[in-house]
Amino acid sequence: MPPTLASLVHHSALKLTVRAGADRLDVPVRWAHVSELADPVPYMEGGELLLITALQLDAEDYEAMRRYVRRLAGAGVVGLGFAVGVNYEEIPKALVDAADEEGLPLLEVPRRTPFLAISKAVSAAIAAEQYHAVTAGFAAQRELTRQALASGPEGLLAALASQVNGWAALYDASGAVVATAPEWAGRRATRLTADVERLRERPAPASSVVGGPENEDRVELHSLGTGRRPRAALAVGTAAALGTAERYAVHSAIALLTLTTERSRSLQAAEQRVGAAVLRMLLAGQPDHARAVAGGLYGGLLDAPFRVIVAEAAPVSAARVVDSGTRVALTKASAAALVVAADAGDPLGALTEVVESAAARAGEAVLVVPETETGRLVVLASDGGAAVAACGEYAAGLEAARAGAVPEQPAGDQDELVVGLSAPAGPIAAAAAYKQAEQALSVARRRGRVCVEHEQLASGSVLPLLADDAVRAFADGLLRALHEHDATGRGDLVASLRAWLSRHGQWDAAAADLGVHRHTLRYRMRRVEEILGRSLDDADVRMELWLALKATSAEE
């Protein structure tokens, strides 16, 4: 421990005597400083033992001594050492009384004890304390390393909590608690999620101190990761500020956790190449070869139903206008994911972090493959697992954020995430699942949605799919001649065709809907065939005309 006034008083070679402030001798001494200035305060940093002979002081002037001692105490001087037998044979009563009044420890230094001996004693004690701190720090580093290798982050956190006599917690990229030590610290760590999210907004490496409410601990938060965007965070809670040895332990834990949470670029690139090869084999209908190449890298992912997620970053559409008055309540996880996206400026990178973090917390395997040719991201994740759920929740959070965003974002100003999700499939049907995800992605893009599931398309109506420029152009071209005929006032062929098709070619029912005779309707349908040059007896022709009518109705 650092030297204190008490340890100097008990030093057998110094022979110091306490003349005032005996109840404050346990204060640490940062240095011993000699000054005969009448006002040494401008040269004090705080924590010093000031040594004087009163060469420039009128130590018998009560008022002068009160002012002198008061300034020393205000500057953080922890004690005053007065050498007797030099200018004064004993410490003047005025100085003793002033020190008593201010509560400043006053030590009598005998003539045979040079100030240099006191400075050496303080220096030696500080050096010993620093050596002890460094030695304890190295020992803590060895123990933390051993626990990290033997038990992973959980063992490392337990060792760190023991070293600092407090608790520790590890957070993932989204701010969710991954592990705590001891277990009782879980609830305390969860309450710091908002502080962890704020820490993420700062460039790495970053740290902050959270002062808890009354009677609660002091918590240090540190970001983990070597890139611009932190991958994790560490929280360390203690009853008081960390000492030197504890600081060594925390810094060692940060370095070790960074190594365990931040994979090297070469390893990540190798894993992506393996994942890309596995995906190509699955899409080529070679599940057995895919399993052989994957080995145990993806666990049982290829042996159970999975979902295929295809995502891309699309430019913001200038035509999309959002009601800025809409208020949507985001879940905590969605809000955390939005922090990731906003901080990253990379929609696909943000989705990757969300999916991988969720899979890691749940102990799931997930296959993530960036397609360099298309610029897309392909994900294989267990059906009903945490990764798929996190993707859906993240997409919902983005949808909600868009609903409260400023309307009419400039086109091309930024990229938005668009996601297509397949139905559950097995390895044999991977190619079909990929196609489903692509189809859902296409629909999401046209509808201005963040995410569309293929199952939603099957359960809905085909009519929204007609809201496409190509479909509308086809409908306009197919029906243009009929509209031009009706514009001359020579009949109502479009309405008659719509009524006849809606009644499945039943003349009487369709004529009744139109309020005309069935012979009139038959004449009109013959005119439709003549104008279009197509036979209404052809089922394909009837289908195309019906879809064209629906498309134009939706546009109107």
Protein backbone atom coordinates (compact mmCIF):
# COMPACT_ATOMS: atom_id res chain seq x y z
CA MET A 1 0.00 0.00 0.00
CA PRO A 2 1.22 3.62 -0.50
CA PRO A 3 3.06 5.39 2.33
CA THR A 4 0.97 7.26 4.87
CA LEU A 5 1.81 9.78 7.57
CA ALA A 6 1.30 7.00 10.09
CA SER A 7 3.88 4.78 8.38
CA LEU A 8 6.39 7.67 8.45
CA VAL A 9 5.73 8.33 12.13
CA HIS A 10 6.34 4.65 12.88
CA HIS A 11 9.53 4.61 10.79
CA SER A 12 12.21 3.92 13.44
CA ALA A 13 14.98 5.89 11.70
CA LEU A 14 13.05 9.15 11.27
CA LYS A 15 12.05 9.80 14.91
CA LEU A 16 9.05 11.97 13.96
CA THR A 17 6.66 13.27 16.63
CA VAL A 18 3.01 14.14 16.07
CA ARG A 19 2.14 17.62 17.37
CA ALA A 20 -1.29 18.09 15.69
CA GLY A 21 -3.85 16.20 13.60
CA ALA A 22 -3.17 12.80 15.14
CA ASP A 23 -6.54 11.53 13.92
CA ARG A 24 -5.64 12.08 10.24
CA LEU A 25 -2.43 10.12 9.92
CA ASP A 26 -3.88 7.41 7.69
CA VAL A 27 -3.93 9.68 4.62
CA PRO A 28 -1.62 8.54 1.75
CA VAL A 29 1.46 10.64 0.98
CA ARG A 30 2.16 11.19 -2.73
CA TRP A 31 5.49 12.98 -2.19
CA ALA A 32 7.66 14.84 0.33
CA HIS A 33 8.47 18.40 -0.75
CA VAL A 34 10.75 21.02 0.83
CA SER A 35 9.80 24.69 0.44
CA GLU A 36 10.65 27.79 2.50
CA LEU A 37 8.39 30.04 0.41
CA ALA A 38 5.90 32.13 2.30
CA ASP A 39 3.28 30.86 -0.17
CA PRO A 40 4.23 27.47 -1.72
CA VAL A 41 0.65 26.70 -2.78
CA PRO A 42 1.16 27.50 -6.52
CA TYR A 43 3.72 24.69 -6.63
CA MET A 44 1.62 22.06 -4.88
CA GLU A 45 -0.37 19.31 -6.67
CA GLY A 46 -2.04 17.84 -3.60
CA GLY A 47 -1.10 14.87 -1.45
CA GLU A 48 2.31 16.22 -0.40
CA LEU A 49 4.03 16.24 2.99
CA LEU A 50 5.50 19.75 3.12
CA LEU A 51 8.81 20.07 5.00
CA ILE A 52 9.82 23.53 6.39
CA THR A 53 12.21 25.26 8.81
CA ALA A 54 10.13 28.49 8.80
CA LEU A 55 13.04 30.45 7.38
CA GLN A 56 10.72 32.94 5.64
CA LEU A 57 7.79 32.71 8.06
CA ASP A 58 6.86 34.54 11.22
CA ALA A 59 5.79 31.30 12.87
CA GLU A 60 4.87 33.08 16.11
CA ASP A 61 2.22 35.29 14.46
CA TYR A 62 -1.14 33.61 15.14
CA GLU A 63 -3.05 35.28 12.30
CA ALA A 64 -0.28 34.70 9.75
CA MET A 65 -0.10 31.03 10.72
CA ARG A 66 -3.86 30.61 10.39
CA ARG A 67 -3.74 32.00 6.85
CA TYR A 68 -0.68 29.88 5.99
CA VAL A 69 -2.14 26.60 7.28
CA ARG A 70 -5.55 27.28 5.75
CA ARG A 71 -3.99 27.77 2.30
CA LEU A 72 -1.96 24.59 2.63
CA ALA A 73 -5.02 22.55 3.56
CA GLY A 74 -7.00 24.08 0.72
CA ALA A 75 -4.26 23.08 -1.74
CA GLY A 76 -4.49 19.42 -0.65
CA VAL A 77 -1.29 19.28 1.41
CA VAL A 78 -1.73 16.23 3.68
CA GLY A 79 0.81 17.09 6.37
CA LEU A 80 3.40 19.60 7.55
CA GLY A 81 6.84 18.61 8.81
CA PHE A 82 8.62 21.23 10.96
CA ALA A 83 12.37 20.90 11.64
CA VAL A 84 13.26 22.05 15.16
CA GLY A 85 16.68 23.25 16.20
CA VAL A 86 17.25 25.25 13.02
CA ASN A 87 15.33 28.55 13.18
CA TYR A 88 13.20 27.57 16.18
CA GLU A 89 14.12 25.31 19.06
CA GLU A 90 10.55 24.05 19.16
CA ILE A 91 7.46 24.42 17.06
CA PRO A 92 5.85 27.79 17.83
CA LYS A 93 2.50 27.57 19.59
CA ALA A 94 0.89 29.75 16.91
CA LEU A 95 1.63 27.12 14.25
CA VAL A 96 0.53 24.23 16.48
CA ASP A 97 -2.78 25.95 17.28
CA ALA A 98 -3.39 26.80 13.60
CA ALA A 99 -2.76 23.20 12.58
CA ASP A 100 -5.10 21.97 15.33
CA GLU A 101 -7.84 24.34 14.21
CA GLU A 102 -7.55 23.29 10.55
CA GLY A 103 -7.08 19.57 11.32
CA LEU A 104 -3.78 19.46 9.39
CA PRO A 105 -1.30 16.86 10.75
CA LEU A 106 1.86 18.56 12.08
CA LEU A 107 5.01 16.48 12.56
CA GLU A 108 8.06 17.57 14.54
CA VAL A 109 11.29 16.68 12.75
CA PRO A 110 14.35 16.43 15.06
CA ARG A 111 17.57 18.19 14.04
CA ARG A 112 19.37 14.88 13.51
CA THR A 113 16.81 13.80 10.89
CA PRO A 114 17.55 15.49 7.53
CA PHE A 115 14.71 16.27 5.20
CA LEU A 116 16.47 14.10 2.62
CA ALA A 117 15.95 11.05 4.83
CA ILE A 118 12.21 11.71 4.89
CA SER A 119 12.12 12.18 1.09
CA LYS A 120 14.04 8.92 0.63
CA ALA A 121 11.65 7.06 2.95
CA VAL A 122 8.64 8.34 1.01
CA SER A 123 10.27 7.54 -2.32
CA ALA A 124 11.24 4.03 -1.21
CA ALA A 125 7.72 3.33 0.06
CA ILE A 126 6.17 4.58 -3.21
CA ALA A 127 8.59 2.44 -5.23
CA ALA A 128 7.79 -0.59 -3.08
CA GLU A 129 4.08 0.01 -3.53
CA GLN A 130 4.50 0.35 -7.30
CA TYR A 131 6.62 -2.81 -7.43
CA HIS A 132 3.96 -4.66 -5.46
CA ALA A 133 1.27 -3.33 -7.81
CA VAL A 134 3.21 -4.39 -10.91
CA THR A 135 3.96 -7.82 -9.43
CA ALA A 136 0.31 -8.27 -8.46
CA GLY A 137 -0.69 -7.07 -11.93
CA PHE A 138 1.48 -9.68 -13.64
CA ALA A 139 0.12 -12.37 -11.34
CA ALA A 140 -3.43 -11.25 -12.17
CA GLN A 141 -2.58 -11.30 -15.87
CA ARG A 142 -1.29 -14.87 -15.62
CA GLU A 143 -4.42 -15.97 -13.77
CA LEU A 144 -6.74 -14.20 -16.20
CA THR A 145 -4.93 -15.74 -19.15
CA ARG A 146 -5.13 -19.18 -17.59
CA GLN A 147 -8.86 -18.82 -16.96
CA ALA A 148 -9.47 -17.45 -20.47
CA LEU A 149 -7.74 -20.47 -22.01
CA ALA A 150 -9.39 -22.98 -19.68
CA SER A 151 -12.93 -21.62 -19.34
CA GLY A 152 -13.35 -18.87 -21.92
CA PRO A 153 -14.89 -15.47 -21.18
CA GLU A 154 -16.93 -16.84 -18.26
CA GLY A 155 -13.83 -18.02 -16.41
CA LEU A 156 -12.01 -14.78 -17.21
CA LEU A 157 -14.86 -12.70 -15.78
CA ALA A 158 -14.89 -14.78 -12.60
CA ALA A 159 -11.14 -14.27 -12.15
CA LEU A 160 -11.46 -10.53 -12.84
CA ALA A 161 -14.28 -10.13 -10.32
CA SER A 162 -12.10 -11.84 -7.70
CA GLN A 163 -9.09 -9.63 -8.52
CA VAL A 164 -11.01 -6.35 -8.14
CA ASN A 165 -13.18 -7.61 -5.26
CA GLY A 166 -16.30 -6.69 -7.20
CA TRP A 167 -18.20 -7.94 -10.24
CA ALA A 168 -17.77 -7.99 -14.01
CA ALA A 169 -20.07 -8.34 -17.03
CA LEU A 170 -19.59 -8.86 -20.77
CA TYR A 171 -21.96 -7.33 -23.35
CA ASP A 172 -22.32 -8.15 -27.05
CA ALA A 173 -22.48 -5.69 -29.94
CA SER A 174 -26.18 -4.97 -29.39
CA GLY A 175 -25.71 -4.17 -25.69
CA ALA A 176 -27.20 -7.44 -24.39
CA VAL A 177 -25.56 -9.12 -21.40
CA VAL A 178 -23.57 -12.21 -22.45
CA ALA A 179 -22.07 -13.29 -19.12
CA THR A 180 -21.60 -12.00 -15.56
CA ALA A 181 -19.55 -12.94 -12.53
CA PRO A 182 -20.70 -13.56 -9.87
CA GLU A 183 -24.17 -14.62 -10.97
CA TRP A 184 -25.90 -12.14 -8.67
CA ALA A 185 -24.50 -9.30 -10.80
CA GLY A 186 -26.79 -10.15 -13.72
CA ARG A 187 -29.58 -7.80 -12.67
CA ARG A 188 -27.15 -4.97 -11.98
CA ALA A 189 -25.48 -5.48 -15.38
CA THR A 190 -28.83 -5.43 -17.21
CA ARG A 191 -29.62 -1.96 -15.86
CA LEU A 192 -26.53 -0.61 -17.62
CA THR A 193 -27.65 -1.53 -21.16
CA ALA A 194 -28.46 2.09 -22.05
CA ASP A 195 -25.02 3.21 -20.86
CA VAL A 196 -23.39 0.50 -22.98
CA GLU A 197 -25.36 1.66 -26.03
CA ARG A 198 -24.20 5.25 -25.47
CA LEU A 199 -20.61 4.00 -25.21
CA ARG A 200 -21.01 2.37 -28.64
CA GLU A 201 -21.69 5.75 -30.19
CA ARG A 202 -18.15 6.89 -29.35
CA PRO A 203 -15.10 5.92 -31.44
CA ALA A 204 -13.24 2.90 -30.08
CA PRO A 205 -11.48 2.46 -27.76
CA ALA A 206 -13.79 4.23 -25.34
CA SER A 207 -14.55 4.05 -21.64
CA SER A 208 -16.79 5.75 -19.11
CA VAL A 209 -17.54 5.68 -15.39
CA VAL A 210 -21.09 5.23 -14.17
CA GLY A 211 -21.73 6.43 -10.66
CA GLY A 212 -24.56 4.36 -9.24
CA PRO A 213 -27.32 5.65 -6.96
CA GLU A 214 -26.73 6.06 -3.25
CA ASN A 215 -25.22 2.95 -1.61
CA GLU A 216 -24.55 1.41 -5.05
CA ASP A 217 -21.22 0.56 -6.64
CA ARG A 218 -18.95 2.42 -9.02
CA VAL A 219 -18.91 0.92 -12.53
CA GLU A 220 -16.34 1.32 -15.30
CA LEU A 221 -17.43 0.57 -18.88
CA HIS A 222 -14.88 -0.27 -21.59
CA SER A 223 -15.49 -0.94 -25.29
CA LEU A 224 -13.87 -4.05 -26.80
CA GLY A 225 -12.69 -4.40 -30.37
CA THR A 226 -9.98 -3.22 -32.73
CA GLY A 227 -12.21 -1.72 -35.43
CA ARG A 228 -14.11 1.54 -35.62
CA ARG A 229 -17.25 -0.21 -34.40
CA PRO A 230 -16.87 -2.04 -31.03
CA ARG A 231 -17.92 -5.68 -31.00
CA ALA A 232 -18.48 -5.94 -27.23
CA ALA A 233 -18.17 -4.09 -23.92
CA LEU A 234 -16.87 -4.88 -20.44
CA ALA A 235 -18.35 -3.56 -17.18
CA VAL A 236 -16.41 -3.69 -13.89
CA GLY A 237 -18.19 -2.80 -10.67
CA THR A 238 -16.35 -2.05 -7.41
CA ALA A 239 -17.07 -0.37 -4.11
CA ALA A 240 -14.34 2.24 -4.66
CA ALA A 241 -11.99 3.52 -7.35
CA LEU A 242 -9.57 0.95 -8.73
CA GLY A 243 -6.02 0.77 -7.38
CA THR A 244 -2.93 0.22 -9.48
CA ALA A 245 -3.00 -3.58 -9.22
CA GLU A 246 -6.71 -3.69 -10.01
CA ARG A 247 -6.13 -1.39 -12.99
CA TYR A 248 -3.54 -3.81 -14.35
CA ALA A 249 -6.09 -6.63 -14.02
CA VAL A 250 -8.77 -4.67 -15.87
CA HIS A 251 -6.42 -3.75 -18.72
CA SER A 252 -5.33 -7.37 -19.03
CA ALA A 253 -8.96 -8.48 -19.15
CA ILE A 254 -9.71 -5.94 -21.89
CA ALA A 255 -6.84 -7.24 -24.00
CA LEU A 256 -7.80 -10.90 -23.50
CA LEU A 257 -11.50 -10.32 -24.15
CA THR A 258 -10.64 -8.38 -27.28
CA LEU A 259 -8.64 -11.36 -28.50
CA THR A 260 -11.51 -13.75 -27.76
CA THR A 261 -14.25 -11.58 -29.28
CA GLU A 262 -12.38 -10.09 -32.25
CA ARG A 263 -11.49 -12.71 -34.84
CA SER A 264 -8.55 -12.05 -37.10
CA ARG A 265 -9.30 -10.88 -40.62
CA SER A 266 -7.59 -13.87 -42.18
CA LEU A 267 -9.60 -16.33 -40.08
CA GLN A 268 -12.84 -14.53 -40.86
CA ALA A 269 -12.01 -14.51 -44.57
CA ALA A 270 -11.23 -18.24 -44.45
CA GLU A 271 -14.51 -19.01 -42.72
CA GLN A 272 -16.38 -16.93 -45.30
CA ARG A 273 -14.73 -18.88 -48.13
CA VAL A 274 -15.76 -22.17 -46.52
CA GLY A 275 -19.29 -20.83 -46.02
CA ALA A 276 -19.47 -19.69 -49.65
CA ALA A 277 -18.37 -23.15 -50.81
CA VAL A 278 -20.94 -24.86 -48.59
CA LEU A 279 -23.69 -22.57 -49.90
CA ARG A 280 -22.74 -23.24 -53.54
CA MET A 281 -22.91 -26.99 -52.93
CA LEU A 282 -26.30 -26.72 -51.27
CA LEU A 283 -27.68 -24.63 -54.14
CA ALA A 284 -26.23 -27.14 -56.62
CA GLY A 285 -28.17 -29.95 -54.94
CA GLN A 286 -25.15 -31.56 -53.25
CA PRO A 287 -26.05 -31.61 -49.54
CA ASP A 288 -23.75 -34.55 -48.73
CA HIS A 289 -20.74 -32.75 -50.17
CA ALA A 290 -21.77 -29.59 -48.32
CA ARG A 291 -21.84 -31.49 -45.01
CA ALA A 292 -18.43 -32.99 -45.72
CA VAL A 293 -16.88 -29.59 -46.42
CA ALA A 294 -18.58 -27.90 -43.46
CA GLY A 295 -17.52 -30.59 -41.00
CA GLY A 296 -18.39 -29.43 -37.49
CA LEU A 297 -18.12 -25.74 -38.36
CA TYR A 298 -21.88 -25.22 -38.53
CA GLY A 299 -22.98 -27.86 -36.04
CA GLY A 300 -26.36 -29.36 -36.85
CA LEU A 301 -27.48 -26.44 -39.02
CA LEU A 302 -27.43 -28.57 -42.19
CA ASP A 303 -29.30 -31.46 -40.58
CA ALA A 304 -32.44 -29.60 -39.50
CA PRO A 305 -34.96 -27.24 -41.11
CA PHE A 306 -33.43 -23.86 -41.79
CA ARG A 307 -34.41 -20.58 -43.36
CA VAL A 308 -32.61 -18.75 -46.14
CA ILE A 309 -32.31 -14.98 -45.76
CA VAL A 310 -31.28 -12.86 -48.73
CA ALA A 311 -30.60 -9.18 -48.03
CA GLU A 312 -29.38 -6.23 -50.04
CA ALA A 313 -28.76 -2.53 -49.53
CA ALA A 314 -31.05 -0.51 -51.80
CA PRO A 315 -31.03 3.29 -52.31
CA VAL A 316 -33.70 5.22 -50.45
CA SER A 317 -36.70 5.89 -52.67
CA ALA A 318 -37.54 9.58 -53.00
CA ALA A 319 -41.17 8.67 -53.71
CA ARG A 320 -41.60 7.08 -50.30
CA VAL A 321 -43.27 9.53 -47.96
CA VAL A 322 -43.62 8.63 -44.29
CA ASP A 323 -46.07 10.09 -41.85
CA SER A 324 -43.75 11.94 -39.48
CA GLY A 325 -46.52 12.15 -36.91
CA THR A 326 -46.59 8.40 -36.48
CA ARG A 327 -45.36 7.22 -33.09
CA VAL A 328 -44.14 3.65 -32.80
CA ALA A 329 -42.85 1.95 -29.64
CA LEU A 330 -39.64 0.02 -30.32
CA THR A 331 -38.59 -2.98 -28.29
CA LYS A 332 -35.26 -2.75 -26.49
CA ALA A 333 -33.59 -5.18 -28.87
CA SER A 334 -34.89 -3.32 -31.93
CA ALA A 335 -33.64 -0.02 -30.56
CA ALA A 336 -30.23 -1.56 -29.85
CA ALA A 337 -30.11 -2.91 -33.39
CA LEU A 338 -30.94 0.53 -34.77
CA VAL A 339 -27.96 1.93 -32.85
CA VAL A 340 -25.80 -0.63 -34.63
CA ALA A 341 -27.18 0.39 -38.05
CA ALA A 342 -26.91 4.11 -37.44
CA ASP A 343 -23.36 3.79 -36.15
CA ALA A 344 -22.24 1.53 -38.94
CA GLY A 345 -23.64 3.26 -42.02
CA ASP A 346 -23.58 -0.25 -43.49
CA PRO A 347 -27.00 -1.98 -43.57
CA LEU A 348 -25.64 -5.42 -44.46
CA GLY A 349 -22.86 -5.18 -41.88
CA ALA A 350 -25.38 -4.16 -39.23
CA LEU A 351 -27.66 -7.11 -40.10
CA THR A 352 -24.65 -9.45 -39.92
CA GLU A 353 -23.84 -8.26 -36.40
CA VAL A 354 -27.45 -8.60 -35.26
CA VAL A 355 -27.80 -12.15 -36.60
CA GLU A 356 -24.38 -13.37 -35.43
CA SER A 357 -24.81 -11.85 -31.96
CA ALA A 358 -28.22 -13.48 -31.51
CA ALA A 359 -26.86 -16.85 -32.68
CA ALA A 360 -23.85 -16.57 -30.34
CA ARG A 361 -26.04 -15.81 -27.33
CA ALA A 362 -28.29 -18.77 -28.09
CA GLY A 363 -25.43 -21.13 -28.92
CA GLU A 364 -26.74 -21.59 -32.47
CA ALA A 365 -24.78 -22.13 -35.66
CA VAL A 366 -25.38 -19.65 -38.45
CA LEU A 367 -23.93 -19.48 -41.98
CA VAL A 368 -23.35 -15.92 -43.26
CA VAL A 369 -22.07 -15.45 -46.81
CA PRO A 370 -21.53 -12.05 -48.46
CA GLU A 371 -22.09 -12.45 -52.23
CA THR A 372 -19.42 -10.26 -53.79
CA GLU A 373 -20.86 -10.69 -57.28
CA THR A 374 -24.34 -9.42 -56.41
CA GLY A 375 -23.54 -7.32 -53.37
CA ARG A 376 -26.08 -9.33 -51.39
CA LEU A 377 -25.87 -11.07 -48.05
CA VAL A 378 -27.07 -14.68 -47.73
CA VAL A 379 -27.79 -16.20 -44.32
CA LEU A 380 -28.72 -19.77 -43.39
CA ALA A 381 -30.20 -19.92 -39.88
CA SER A 382 -32.14 -22.52 -37.93
CA ASP A 383 -35.90 -22.32 -38.35
CA GLY A 384 -37.47 -21.01 -35.15
CA GLY A 385 -34.06 -20.03 -33.77
CA ALA A 386 -32.79 -16.85 -32.21
CA ALA A 387 -31.03 -15.63 -35.37
CA VAL A 388 -34.22 -15.67 -37.47
CA ALA A 389 -36.16 -14.03 -34.65
CA ALA A 390 -33.50 -11.32 -34.30
CA CYS A 391 -33.65 -10.67 -38.06
CA GLY A 392 -37.41 -10.22 -37.90
CA GLU A 393 -37.25 -8.01 -34.83
CA TYR A 394 -34.50 -5.91 -36.37
CA ALA A 395 -36.53 -5.46 -39.56
CA ALA A 396 -39.57 -4.48 -37.49
CA GLY A 397 -37.45 -1.90 -35.67
CA LEU A 398 -36.28 -0.41 -38.96
CA GLU A 399 -39.87 -0.28 -40.23
CA ALA A 400 -40.90 1.52 -37.06
CA ALA A 401 -37.99 3.93 -37.34
CA ARG A 402 -38.95 4.72 -40.93
CA ALA A 403 -42.50 5.44 -39.78
CA GLY A 404 -41.17 8.16 -37.49
CA ALA A 405 -38.50 9.48 -39.87
CA VAL A 406 -38.38 12.77 -41.70
CA PRO A 407 -40.46 12.39 -44.89
CA GLU A 408 -39.12 12.47 -48.41
CA GLN A 409 -35.54 11.34 -47.89
CA PRO A 410 -33.43 12.27 -50.96
CA ALA A 411 -32.97 9.36 -53.34
CA GLY A 412 -29.48 7.91 -53.28
CA ASP A 413 -28.55 9.83 -50.11
CA GLN A 414 -28.23 6.59 -48.16
CA ASP A 415 -28.90 2.89 -48.47
CA GLU A 416 -31.74 0.99 -46.83
CA LEU A 417 -31.89 -2.65 -45.90
CA VAL A 418 -34.21 -4.94 -47.89
CA VAL A 419 -34.66 -8.56 -46.77
CA GLY A 420 -36.37 -11.63 -48.20
CA LEU A 421 -37.00 -14.67 -46.00
CA SER A 422 -37.75 -18.17 -47.30
CA ALA A 423 -40.08 -20.76 -45.86
CA PRO A 424 -38.51 -23.54 -43.73
CA ALA A 425 -36.52 -25.98 -45.84
CA GLY A 426 -34.00 -28.78 -45.60
CA PRO A 427 -30.64 -29.26 -47.32
CA ILE A 428 -32.21 -31.00 -50.32
CA ALA A 429 -34.53 -28.05 -50.97
CA ALA A 430 -31.91 -25.34 -50.40
CA ALA A 431 -32.08 -24.11 -54.01
CA ALA A 432 -35.85 -23.75 -53.81
CA ALA A 433 -35.55 -21.91 -50.50
CA TYR A 434 -33.00 -19.53 -52.01
CA LYS A 435 -35.41 -18.82 -54.88
CA GLN A 436 -38.20 -18.17 -52.38
CA ALA A 437 -36.01 -15.70 -50.50
CA GLU A 438 -35.16 -13.92 -53.77
CA GLN A 439 -38.86 -13.69 -54.67
CA ALA A 440 -39.68 -12.28 -51.23
CA LEU A 441 -36.80 -9.82 -51.59
CA SER A 442 -38.16 -8.63 -54.94
CA VAL A 443 -41.60 -8.07 -53.45
CA ALA A 444 -40.12 -6.22 -50.46
CA ARG A 445 -38.21 -3.95 -52.82
CA ARG A 446 -41.33 -3.11 -54.88
CA ARG A 447 -43.49 -2.52 -51.83
CA GLY A 448 -40.92 -0.37 -50.03
CA ARG A 449 -40.77 -2.86 -47.16
CA VAL A 450 -37.75 -3.82 -45.06
CA CYS A 451 -38.58 -7.52 -44.86
CA VAL A 452 -41.07 -9.87 -46.54
CA GLU A 453 -41.44 -13.57 -45.78
CA HIS A 454 -42.26 -15.96 -48.60
CA GLU A 455 -45.05 -17.49 -46.52
CA GLN A 456 -46.74 -14.09 -46.37
CA LEU A 457 -46.98 -14.07 -50.15
CA ALA A 458 -48.72 -17.43 -50.22
CA SER A 459 -51.24 -16.43 -47.57
CA GLY A 460 -52.08 -13.05 -49.09
CA SER A 461 -53.62 -11.88 -52.35
CA VAL A 462 -51.98 -11.74 -55.76
CA LEU A 463 -53.51 -8.34 -56.44
CA PRO A 464 -50.85 -6.28 -54.59
CA LEU A 465 -48.28 -7.84 -56.92
CA LEU A 466 -49.98 -6.08 -59.83
CA ALA A 467 -48.81 -2.72 -58.47
CA ASP A 468 -45.83 -2.78 -60.78
CA ASP A 469 -44.95 -0.44 -63.65
CA ALA A 470 -44.36 -3.31 -66.08
CA VAL A 471 -47.76 -4.88 -65.27
CA ARG A 472 -49.52 -1.54 -65.62
CA ALA A 473 -47.84 -0.88 -68.94
CA PHE A 474 -48.98 -4.30 -70.21
CA ALA A 475 -52.55 -3.62 -69.02
CA ASP A 476 -52.66 -0.20 -70.65
CA GLY A 477 -51.41 -1.61 -73.95
CA LEU A 478 -53.84 -4.53 -73.91
CA LEU A 479 -56.93 -2.45 -73.12
CA ARG A 480 -56.02 0.76 -74.97
CA ALA A 481 -58.12 -0.08 -78.10
CA LEU A 482 -61.20 -0.80 -75.97
CA HIS A 483 -60.81 2.47 -74.06
CA GLU A 484 -60.42 4.38 -77.31
CA HIS A 485 -63.61 2.74 -78.64
CA ASP A 486 -65.56 3.66 -75.51
CA ALA A 487 -64.26 7.25 -75.68
CA THR A 488 -66.16 7.73 -78.96
CA GLY A 489 -69.42 7.04 -77.15
CA ARG A 490 -70.23 3.99 -79.27
CA GLY A 491 -70.57 1.60 -76.35
CA ASP A 492 -69.22 0.53 -73.00
CA LEU A 493 -67.00 -2.39 -73.91
CA VAL A 494 -64.61 -2.20 -70.90
CA ALA A 495 -67.39 -2.27 -68.30
CA SER A 496 -69.19 -5.01 -70.23
CA LEU A 497 -66.01 -7.12 -70.40
CA ARG A 498 -65.42 -6.67 -66.68
CA ALA A 499 -68.98 -7.73 -65.82
CA TRP A 500 -68.88 -10.72 -68.17
CA LEU A 501 -65.55 -11.98 -66.80
CA SER A 502 -66.62 -11.47 -63.18
CA ARG A 503 -69.69 -13.63 -63.87
CA HIS A 504 -67.54 -16.37 -65.49
CA GLY A 505 -69.20 -15.85 -68.90
CA GLN A 506 -72.79 -16.20 -67.60
CA TRP A 507 -74.74 -14.01 -70.05
CA ASP A 508 -77.92 -13.48 -68.08
CA ALA A 509 -76.18 -12.63 -64.80
CA ALA A 510 -73.70 -10.27 -66.45
CA ALA A 511 -76.42 -8.58 -68.51
CA ALA A 512 -78.49 -8.08 -65.38
CA ASP A 513 -75.49 -6.45 -63.65
CA LEU A 514 -75.15 -4.06 -66.59
CA GLY A 515 -78.89 -3.47 -66.98
CA VAL A 516 -78.90 -4.49 -70.67
CA HIS A 517 -80.36 -7.34 -72.72
CA ARG A 518 -78.19 -10.46 -73.04
CA HIS A 519 -78.18 -10.06 -76.86
CA THR A 520 -76.69 -6.58 -76.40
CA LEU A 521 -73.99 -8.09 -74.19
CA ARG A 522 -73.25 -10.82 -76.77
CA TYR A 523 -72.86 -8.16 -79.45
CA ARG A 524 -70.45 -6.21 -77.25
CA MET A 525 -68.29 -9.28 -76.55
CA ARG A 526 -68.07 -9.97 -80.28
CA ARG A 527 -66.91 -6.38 -80.76
CA VAL A 528 -64.24 -6.94 -78.04
CA GLU A 529 -62.97 -9.98 -79.94
CA GLU A 530 -62.94 -8.06 -83.22
CA ILE A 531 -61.11 -5.05 -81.78
CA LEU A 532 -58.53 -7.10 -79.82
CA GLY A 533 -58.16 -9.82 -82.42
CA ARG A 534 -58.43 -12.46 -79.70
CA SER A 535 -60.99 -15.13 -78.87
CA LEU A 536 -62.69 -15.01 -75.48
CA ASP A 537 -63.03 -18.78 -75.64
CA ASP A 538 -59.28 -18.99 -74.85
CA ALA A 539 -58.74 -19.31 -71.07
CA ASP A 540 -55.34 -17.60 -71.29
CA VAL A 541 -56.90 -14.61 -73.02
CA ARG A 542 -59.61 -14.34 -70.37
CA MET A 543 -56.95 -14.54 -67.61
CA GLU A 544 -54.81 -11.82 -69.17
CA LEU A 545 -57.82 -9.53 -69.68
CA TRP A 546 -58.98 -10.04 -66.10
CA LEU A 547 -55.54 -9.24 -64.66
CA ALA A 548 -55.28 -6.20 -66.92
CA LEU A 549 -58.66 -4.95 -65.71
CA LYS A 550 -57.57 -5.52 -62.09
CA ALA A 551 -54.31 -3.66 -62.65
CA THR A 552 -56.04 -0.65 -64.18
CA SER A 553 -58.68 -0.69 -61.43
CA ALA A 554 -55.96 -0.63 -58.76
CA GLU A 555 -54.27 2.30 -60.52
CA GLU A 556 -57.53 4.21 -60.79
